[in-house]
Amino acid sequence: MTRAVDEPYQLDLYGDYTAKLWAVEALADAVAAEQQRLHDDADAVTAEQRGEHEVRVAAVKARATEVALEITGGIFEGLGARATRTELGFDRFWRDVRTHTLHDPVAYKRREVGAWVLRDELPEPTWYT
């Protein structure tokens, strides 16, 4: 085998990461479309509709965070040890994702989703909603 792109492990790794990314994108697109419908008739939005939408936004945040961290951290499995060299800057992507995810901790988002699923409890509006 002369090319890394022909190696079965590489194909599996990038296929897995791409499938996860596409799934998160589809979820985010669906929730964004819901947001647009709510925005289009904002005066008619009830507290329950707003809360249920926020639960889905929280679910997107939780899933996107996990996938982004998995991909940006795991990509070095495919790239190899040389890819960690500072001058290449690949580590920047993981650091950027990690910084953004710490501003609004995903544990709170998962808790909102769990409270809605198990107790039918809508989240309280916060600075992040």
N, C-alpha and C. Protein backbone atom coordinates (compact mmCIF):
# COMPACT_ATOMS: atom_id res chain seq x y z
N MET A 1 0.85 -1.17 0.00
CA MET A 1 0.00 0.00 0.00
C MET A 1 0.90 1.24 0.00
N THR A 2 0.68 2.13 -0.94
CA THR A 2 1.56 3.30 -1.04
C THR A 2 0.91 4.58 -0.55
N ARG A 3 -0.40 4.58 -0.39
CA ARG A 3 -1.08 5.81 0.03
C ARG A 3 -1.84 5.57 1.34
N ALA A 4 -1.76 6.52 2.24
CA ALA A 4 -2.47 6.40 3.52
C ALA A 4 -3.98 6.33 3.32
N VAL A 5 -4.48 6.99 2.28
CA VAL A 5 -5.92 7.01 2.04
C VAL A 5 -6.47 5.66 1.59
N ASP A 6 -5.59 4.71 1.30
CA ASP A 6 -6.02 3.37 0.93
C ASP A 6 -6.00 2.40 2.11
N GLU A 7 -5.50 2.84 3.24
CA GLU A 7 -5.37 1.98 4.42
C GLU A 7 -6.73 1.80 5.08
N PRO A 8 -7.16 0.56 5.34
CA PRO A 8 -8.49 0.32 5.90
C PRO A 8 -8.77 1.06 7.22
N TYR A 9 -7.78 1.16 8.08
CA TYR A 9 -7.97 1.87 9.35
C TYR A 9 -8.30 3.34 9.10
N GLN A 10 -7.62 3.96 8.13
CA GLN A 10 -7.89 5.36 7.81
C GLN A 10 -9.30 5.53 7.26
N LEU A 11 -9.69 4.62 6.39
CA LEU A 11 -11.03 4.69 5.82
C LEU A 11 -12.10 4.55 6.91
N ASP A 12 -11.88 3.63 7.84
CA ASP A 12 -12.81 3.44 8.94
C ASP A 12 -12.86 4.68 9.83
N LEU A 13 -11.71 5.20 10.22
CA LEU A 13 -11.64 6.36 11.11
C LEU A 13 -12.34 7.57 10.51
N TYR A 14 -12.00 7.91 9.28
CA TYR A 14 -12.60 9.08 8.65
C TYR A 14 -14.06 8.85 8.31
N GLY A 15 -14.42 7.62 7.99
CA GLY A 15 -15.83 7.31 7.75
C GLY A 15 -16.65 7.48 9.02
N ASP A 16 -16.12 7.01 10.13
CA ASP A 16 -16.80 7.14 11.42
C ASP A 16 -16.96 8.60 11.80
N TYR A 17 -15.88 9.37 11.71
CA TYR A 17 -15.94 10.79 12.08
C TYR A 17 -16.89 11.56 11.16
N THR A 18 -16.88 11.26 9.89
CA THR A 18 -17.77 11.95 8.96
C THR A 18 -19.23 11.63 9.25
N ALA A 19 -19.54 10.38 9.52
CA ALA A 19 -20.92 9.99 9.84
C ALA A 19 -21.40 10.71 11.10
N LYS A 20 -20.54 10.80 12.11
CA LYS A 20 -20.92 11.49 13.35
C LYS A 20 -21.12 12.98 13.10
N LEU A 21 -20.25 13.57 12.31
CA LEU A 21 -20.39 14.99 11.99
C LEU A 21 -21.68 15.25 11.23
N TRP A 22 -21.98 14.42 10.24
CA TRP A 22 -23.21 14.60 9.47
C TRP A 22 -24.46 14.44 10.34
N ALA A 23 -24.41 13.52 11.28
CA ALA A 23 -25.56 13.34 12.18
C ALA A 23 -25.79 14.58 13.03
N VAL A 24 -24.72 15.15 13.56
CA VAL A 24 -24.85 16.37 14.37
C VAL A 24 -25.33 17.53 13.49
N GLU A 25 -24.81 17.63 12.29
CA GLU A 25 -25.26 18.70 11.38
C GLU A 25 -26.75 18.57 11.09
N ALA A 26 -27.22 17.35 10.87
CA ALA A 26 -28.64 17.14 10.59
C ALA A 26 -29.50 17.54 11.80
N LEU A 27 -29.07 17.17 12.98
CA LEU A 27 -29.79 17.55 14.19
C LEU A 27 -29.79 19.07 14.34
N ALA A 28 -28.65 19.71 14.15
CA ALA A 28 -28.57 21.16 14.27
C ALA A 28 -29.45 21.85 13.22
N ASP A 29 -29.45 21.34 12.01
CA ASP A 29 -30.30 21.92 10.96
C ASP A 29 -31.78 21.80 11.31
N ALA A 30 -32.18 20.66 11.85
CA ALA A 30 -33.58 20.46 12.22
C ALA A 30 -33.99 21.42 13.34
N VAL A 31 -33.14 21.60 14.32
CA VAL A 31 -33.45 22.50 15.43
C VAL A 31 -33.42 23.95 14.96
N ALA A 32 -32.52 24.29 14.04
CA ALA A 32 -32.49 25.64 13.48
C ALA A 32 -33.77 25.94 12.69
N ALA A 33 -34.27 24.97 11.95
CA ALA A 33 -35.53 25.16 11.22
C ALA A 33 -36.68 25.37 12.19
N GLU A 34 -36.68 24.63 13.29
CA GLU A 34 -37.69 24.83 14.33
C GLU A 34 -37.60 26.24 14.90
N GLN A 35 -36.37 26.69 15.14
CA GLN A 35 -36.16 28.05 15.66
C GLN A 35 -36.73 29.09 14.70
N GLN A 36 -36.51 28.87 13.42
CA GLN A 36 -37.03 29.81 12.43
C GLN A 36 -38.55 29.86 12.46
N ARG A 37 -39.20 28.72 12.58
CA ARG A 37 -40.67 28.69 12.66
C ARG A 37 -41.15 29.46 13.89
N LEU A 38 -40.47 29.28 15.02
CA LEU A 38 -40.85 30.01 16.23
C LEU A 38 -40.62 31.51 16.04
N HIS A 39 -39.52 31.86 15.43
CA HIS A 39 -39.20 33.27 15.20
C HIS A 39 -40.21 33.92 14.26
N ASP A 40 -40.66 33.18 13.25
CA ASP A 40 -41.60 33.73 12.28
C ASP A 40 -42.93 34.13 12.91
N ASP A 41 -43.30 33.50 14.01
CA ASP A 41 -44.56 33.82 14.71
C ASP A 41 -44.26 34.00 16.20
N ALA A 42 -43.27 34.85 16.49
CA ALA A 42 -42.75 34.99 17.86
C ALA A 42 -43.81 35.39 18.88
N ASP A 43 -44.79 36.18 18.48
CA ASP A 43 -45.81 36.62 19.43
C ASP A 43 -46.70 35.48 19.89
N ALA A 44 -46.75 34.40 19.13
CA ALA A 44 -47.62 33.27 19.48
C ALA A 44 -46.89 32.18 20.27
N VAL A 45 -45.59 32.33 20.47
CA VAL A 45 -44.81 31.29 21.15
C VAL A 45 -45.16 31.25 22.63
N THR A 46 -45.49 30.06 23.09
CA THR A 46 -45.82 29.87 24.50
C THR A 46 -44.55 29.55 25.30
N ALA A 47 -44.66 29.67 26.60
CA ALA A 47 -43.53 29.32 27.47
C ALA A 47 -43.17 27.85 27.28
N GLU A 48 -44.17 27.01 27.09
CA GLU A 48 -43.91 25.58 26.89
C GLU A 48 -43.16 25.34 25.58
N GLN A 49 -43.59 26.00 24.51
CA GLN A 49 -42.89 25.84 23.23
C GLN A 49 -41.45 26.33 23.32
N ARG A 50 -41.24 27.46 23.98
CA ARG A 50 -39.90 27.99 24.16
C ARG A 50 -39.04 27.02 24.94
N GLY A 51 -39.60 26.47 26.02
CA GLY A 51 -38.86 25.53 26.85
C GLY A 51 -38.52 24.24 26.12
N GLU A 52 -39.48 23.70 25.39
CA GLU A 52 -39.23 22.47 24.64
C GLU A 52 -38.18 22.70 23.56
N HIS A 53 -38.23 23.88 22.94
CA HIS A 53 -37.21 24.19 21.94
C HIS A 53 -35.83 24.29 22.61
N GLU A 54 -35.77 24.91 23.76
CA GLU A 54 -34.50 25.03 24.48
C GLU A 54 -33.93 23.66 24.82
N VAL A 55 -34.79 22.70 25.14
CA VAL A 55 -34.32 21.34 25.41
C VAL A 55 -33.65 20.76 24.17
N ARG A 56 -34.23 20.99 23.01
CA ARG A 56 -33.62 20.48 21.78
C ARG A 56 -32.31 21.22 21.45
N VAL A 57 -32.27 22.51 21.75
CA VAL A 57 -31.02 23.26 21.57
C VAL A 57 -29.95 22.68 22.49
N ALA A 58 -30.34 22.38 23.72
CA ALA A 58 -29.39 21.79 24.67
C ALA A 58 -28.89 20.44 24.17
N ALA A 59 -29.78 19.66 23.56
CA ALA A 59 -29.38 18.35 23.02
C ALA A 59 -28.36 18.52 21.90
N VAL A 60 -28.58 19.52 21.04
CA VAL A 60 -27.62 19.79 19.96
C VAL A 60 -26.27 20.18 20.56
N LYS A 61 -26.29 21.07 21.54
CA LYS A 61 -25.04 21.51 22.17
C LYS A 61 -24.29 20.31 22.77
N ALA A 62 -25.02 19.45 23.48
CA ALA A 62 -24.38 18.29 24.12
C ALA A 62 -23.77 17.35 23.08
N ARG A 63 -24.52 17.02 22.06
CA ARG A 63 -24.03 16.08 21.05
C ARG A 63 -22.91 16.70 20.23
N ALA A 64 -23.06 17.97 19.83
CA ALA A 64 -22.03 18.63 19.02
C ALA A 64 -20.72 18.75 19.80
N THR A 65 -20.81 19.01 21.08
CA THR A 65 -19.61 19.10 21.91
C THR A 65 -18.87 17.78 21.93
N GLU A 66 -19.58 16.70 22.16
CA GLU A 66 -18.94 15.39 22.22
C GLU A 66 -18.30 15.02 20.89
N VAL A 67 -19.01 15.26 19.81
CA VAL A 67 -18.49 14.91 18.49
C VAL A 67 -17.29 15.79 18.13
N ALA A 68 -17.37 17.08 18.41
CA ALA A 68 -16.26 17.98 18.09
C ALA A 68 -15.00 17.60 18.87
N LEU A 69 -15.16 17.29 20.14
CA LEU A 69 -14.00 16.89 20.93
C LEU A 69 -13.44 15.55 20.48
N GLU A 70 -14.34 14.63 20.13
CA GLU A 70 -13.87 13.33 19.66
C GLU A 70 -13.08 13.46 18.35
N ILE A 71 -13.60 14.25 17.43
CA ILE A 71 -12.93 14.39 16.14
C ILE A 71 -11.62 15.16 16.28
N THR A 72 -11.65 16.29 16.96
CA THR A 72 -10.43 17.11 17.04
C THR A 72 -9.35 16.45 17.88
N GLY A 73 -9.73 15.64 18.84
CA GLY A 73 -8.73 14.91 19.63
C GLY A 73 -8.30 13.63 18.96
N GLY A 74 -9.24 12.94 18.35
CA GLY A 74 -8.97 11.64 17.76
C GLY A 74 -8.33 11.68 16.39
N ILE A 75 -8.36 12.82 15.76
CA ILE A 75 -7.81 12.91 14.41
C ILE A 75 -6.31 12.57 14.40
N PHE A 76 -5.65 12.75 15.55
CA PHE A 76 -4.23 12.43 15.62
C PHE A 76 -3.98 10.93 15.49
N GLU A 77 -4.99 10.12 15.75
CA GLU A 77 -4.85 8.68 15.51
C GLU A 77 -4.59 8.43 14.03
N GLY A 78 -5.25 9.18 13.20
CA GLY A 78 -5.07 9.00 11.76
C GLY A 78 -3.87 9.75 11.22
N LEU A 79 -3.57 10.87 11.81
CA LEU A 79 -2.46 11.69 11.31
C LEU A 79 -1.10 11.21 11.80
N GLY A 80 -1.07 10.61 12.99
CA GLY A 80 0.19 10.12 13.54
C GLY A 80 0.90 11.14 14.41
N ALA A 81 1.96 10.68 15.04
CA ALA A 81 2.68 11.49 16.03
C ALA A 81 3.25 12.78 15.44
N ARG A 82 3.67 12.75 14.21
CA ARG A 82 4.24 13.95 13.60
C ARG A 82 3.25 15.10 13.55
N ALA A 83 1.98 14.79 13.51
CA ALA A 83 0.94 15.83 13.41
C ALA A 83 0.84 16.67 14.68
N THR A 84 1.46 16.23 15.76
CA THR A 84 1.39 17.00 17.01
C THR A 84 2.44 18.11 17.05
N ARG A 85 3.26 18.22 16.05
CA ARG A 85 4.28 19.28 16.02
C ARG A 85 3.61 20.65 16.07
N THR A 86 4.13 21.52 16.88
CA THR A 86 3.58 22.85 17.09
C THR A 86 3.43 23.63 15.80
N GLU A 87 4.42 23.55 14.93
CA GLU A 87 4.38 24.36 13.71
C GLU A 87 3.24 23.97 12.76
N LEU A 88 2.70 22.78 12.89
CA LEU A 88 1.56 22.38 12.06
C LEU A 88 0.25 22.97 12.57
N GLY A 89 0.15 23.16 13.87
CA GLY A 89 -1.01 23.83 14.44
C GLY A 89 -2.30 23.03 14.51
N PHE A 90 -2.24 21.73 14.29
CA PHE A 90 -3.47 20.93 14.34
C PHE A 90 -4.11 20.93 15.72
N ASP A 91 -3.28 21.06 16.76
CA ASP A 91 -3.81 21.07 18.12
C ASP A 91 -4.69 22.28 18.38
N ARG A 92 -4.55 23.30 17.57
CA ARG A 92 -5.36 24.52 17.72
C ARG A 92 -6.85 24.20 17.65
N PHE A 93 -7.24 23.29 16.79
CA PHE A 93 -8.66 22.97 16.61
C PHE A 93 -9.25 22.37 17.89
N TRP A 94 -8.51 21.46 18.52
CA TRP A 94 -8.99 20.88 19.78
C TRP A 94 -9.09 21.97 20.84
N ARG A 95 -8.06 22.82 20.94
CA ARG A 95 -8.07 23.89 21.95
C ARG A 95 -9.23 24.85 21.72
N ASP A 96 -9.50 25.20 20.47
CA ASP A 96 -10.62 26.10 20.17
C ASP A 96 -11.95 25.47 20.58
N VAL A 97 -12.14 24.21 20.23
CA VAL A 97 -13.38 23.52 20.61
C VAL A 97 -13.50 23.48 22.13
N ARG A 98 -12.43 23.11 22.79
CA ARG A 98 -12.47 22.98 24.26
C ARG A 98 -12.78 24.31 24.91
N THR A 99 -12.20 25.39 24.44
CA THR A 99 -12.46 26.72 24.99
C THR A 99 -13.92 27.09 24.84
N HIS A 100 -14.47 26.89 23.66
CA HIS A 100 -15.88 27.24 23.43
C HIS A 100 -16.82 26.39 24.28
N THR A 101 -16.50 25.14 24.47
CA THR A 101 -17.40 24.27 25.23
C THR A 101 -17.36 24.55 26.72
N LEU A 102 -16.31 25.18 27.20
CA LEU A 102 -16.22 25.47 28.63
C LEU A 102 -17.01 26.71 29.03
N HIS A 103 -17.36 27.55 28.09
CA HIS A 103 -18.12 28.76 28.41
C HIS A 103 -19.55 28.46 28.84
N ASP A 104 -20.09 27.40 28.34
CA ASP A 104 -21.46 26.99 28.67
C ASP A 104 -21.41 25.47 28.85
N PRO A 105 -21.04 25.02 30.05
CA PRO A 105 -20.74 23.60 30.25
C PRO A 105 -21.85 22.65 29.77
N VAL A 106 -21.41 21.65 29.03
CA VAL A 106 -22.34 20.69 28.43
C VAL A 106 -23.06 19.85 29.49
N ALA A 107 -22.47 19.69 30.66
CA ALA A 107 -23.14 18.93 31.72
C ALA A 107 -24.49 19.56 32.07
N TYR A 108 -24.55 20.88 32.04
CA TYR A 108 -25.82 21.57 32.33
C TYR A 108 -26.84 21.29 31.22
N LYS A 109 -26.36 21.21 29.99
CA LYS A 109 -27.26 20.94 28.86
C LYS A 109 -27.82 19.52 28.95
N ARG A 110 -26.96 18.57 29.26
CA ARG A 110 -27.45 17.18 29.39
C ARG A 110 -28.44 17.09 30.55
N ARG A 111 -28.18 17.81 31.61
CA ARG A 111 -29.10 17.81 32.75
C ARG A 111 -30.47 18.37 32.35
N GLU A 112 -30.49 19.43 31.55
CA GLU A 112 -31.75 19.99 31.07
C GLU A 112 -32.53 18.96 30.26
N VAL A 113 -31.83 18.26 29.38
CA VAL A 113 -32.49 17.24 28.56
C VAL A 113 -33.03 16.12 29.45
N GLY A 114 -32.22 15.66 30.38
CA GLY A 114 -32.65 14.59 31.29
C GLY A 114 -33.83 15.00 32.14
N ALA A 115 -33.85 16.22 32.64
CA ALA A 115 -34.97 16.70 33.46
C ALA A 115 -36.25 16.77 32.65
N TRP A 116 -36.12 17.11 31.39
CA TRP A 116 -37.31 17.16 30.54
C TRP A 116 -37.81 15.75 30.23
N VAL A 117 -36.89 14.86 29.90
CA VAL A 117 -37.28 13.48 29.55
C VAL A 117 -37.88 12.75 30.74
N LEU A 118 -37.26 12.86 31.90
CA LEU A 118 -37.68 12.07 33.06
C LEU A 118 -38.75 12.74 33.92
N ARG A 119 -38.77 14.08 33.96
CA ARG A 119 -39.70 14.78 34.85
C ARG A 119 -40.60 15.77 34.14
N ASP A 120 -40.50 15.83 32.81
CA ASP A 120 -41.28 16.79 32.02
C ASP A 120 -41.04 18.22 32.52
N GLU A 121 -39.80 18.48 32.92
CA GLU A 121 -39.42 19.77 33.50
C GLU A 121 -38.74 20.62 32.43
N LEU A 122 -39.29 21.80 32.19
CA LEU A 122 -38.71 22.70 31.20
C LEU A 122 -37.59 23.52 31.85
N PRO A 123 -36.56 23.84 31.08
CA PRO A 123 -35.45 24.62 31.65
C PRO A 123 -35.87 26.07 31.90
N GLU A 124 -35.28 26.65 32.91
CA GLU A 124 -35.47 28.07 33.18
C GLU A 124 -34.59 28.86 32.22
N PRO A 125 -35.09 29.98 31.70
CA PRO A 125 -34.24 30.80 30.84
C PRO A 125 -33.00 31.30 31.60
N THR A 126 -31.87 31.28 30.91
CA THR A 126 -30.61 31.75 31.50
C THR A 126 -29.94 32.69 30.50
N TRP A 127 -28.76 33.18 30.85
CA TRP A 127 -28.00 34.03 29.94
C TRP A 127 -27.61 33.27 28.67
N TYR A 128 -27.58 31.95 28.74
CA TYR A 128 -27.15 31.15 27.61
C TYR A 128 -28.30 30.68 26.72
N THR A 129 -29.54 30.96 27.09
CA THR A 129 -30.68 30.49 26.29
C THR A 129 -31.20 31.57 25.39
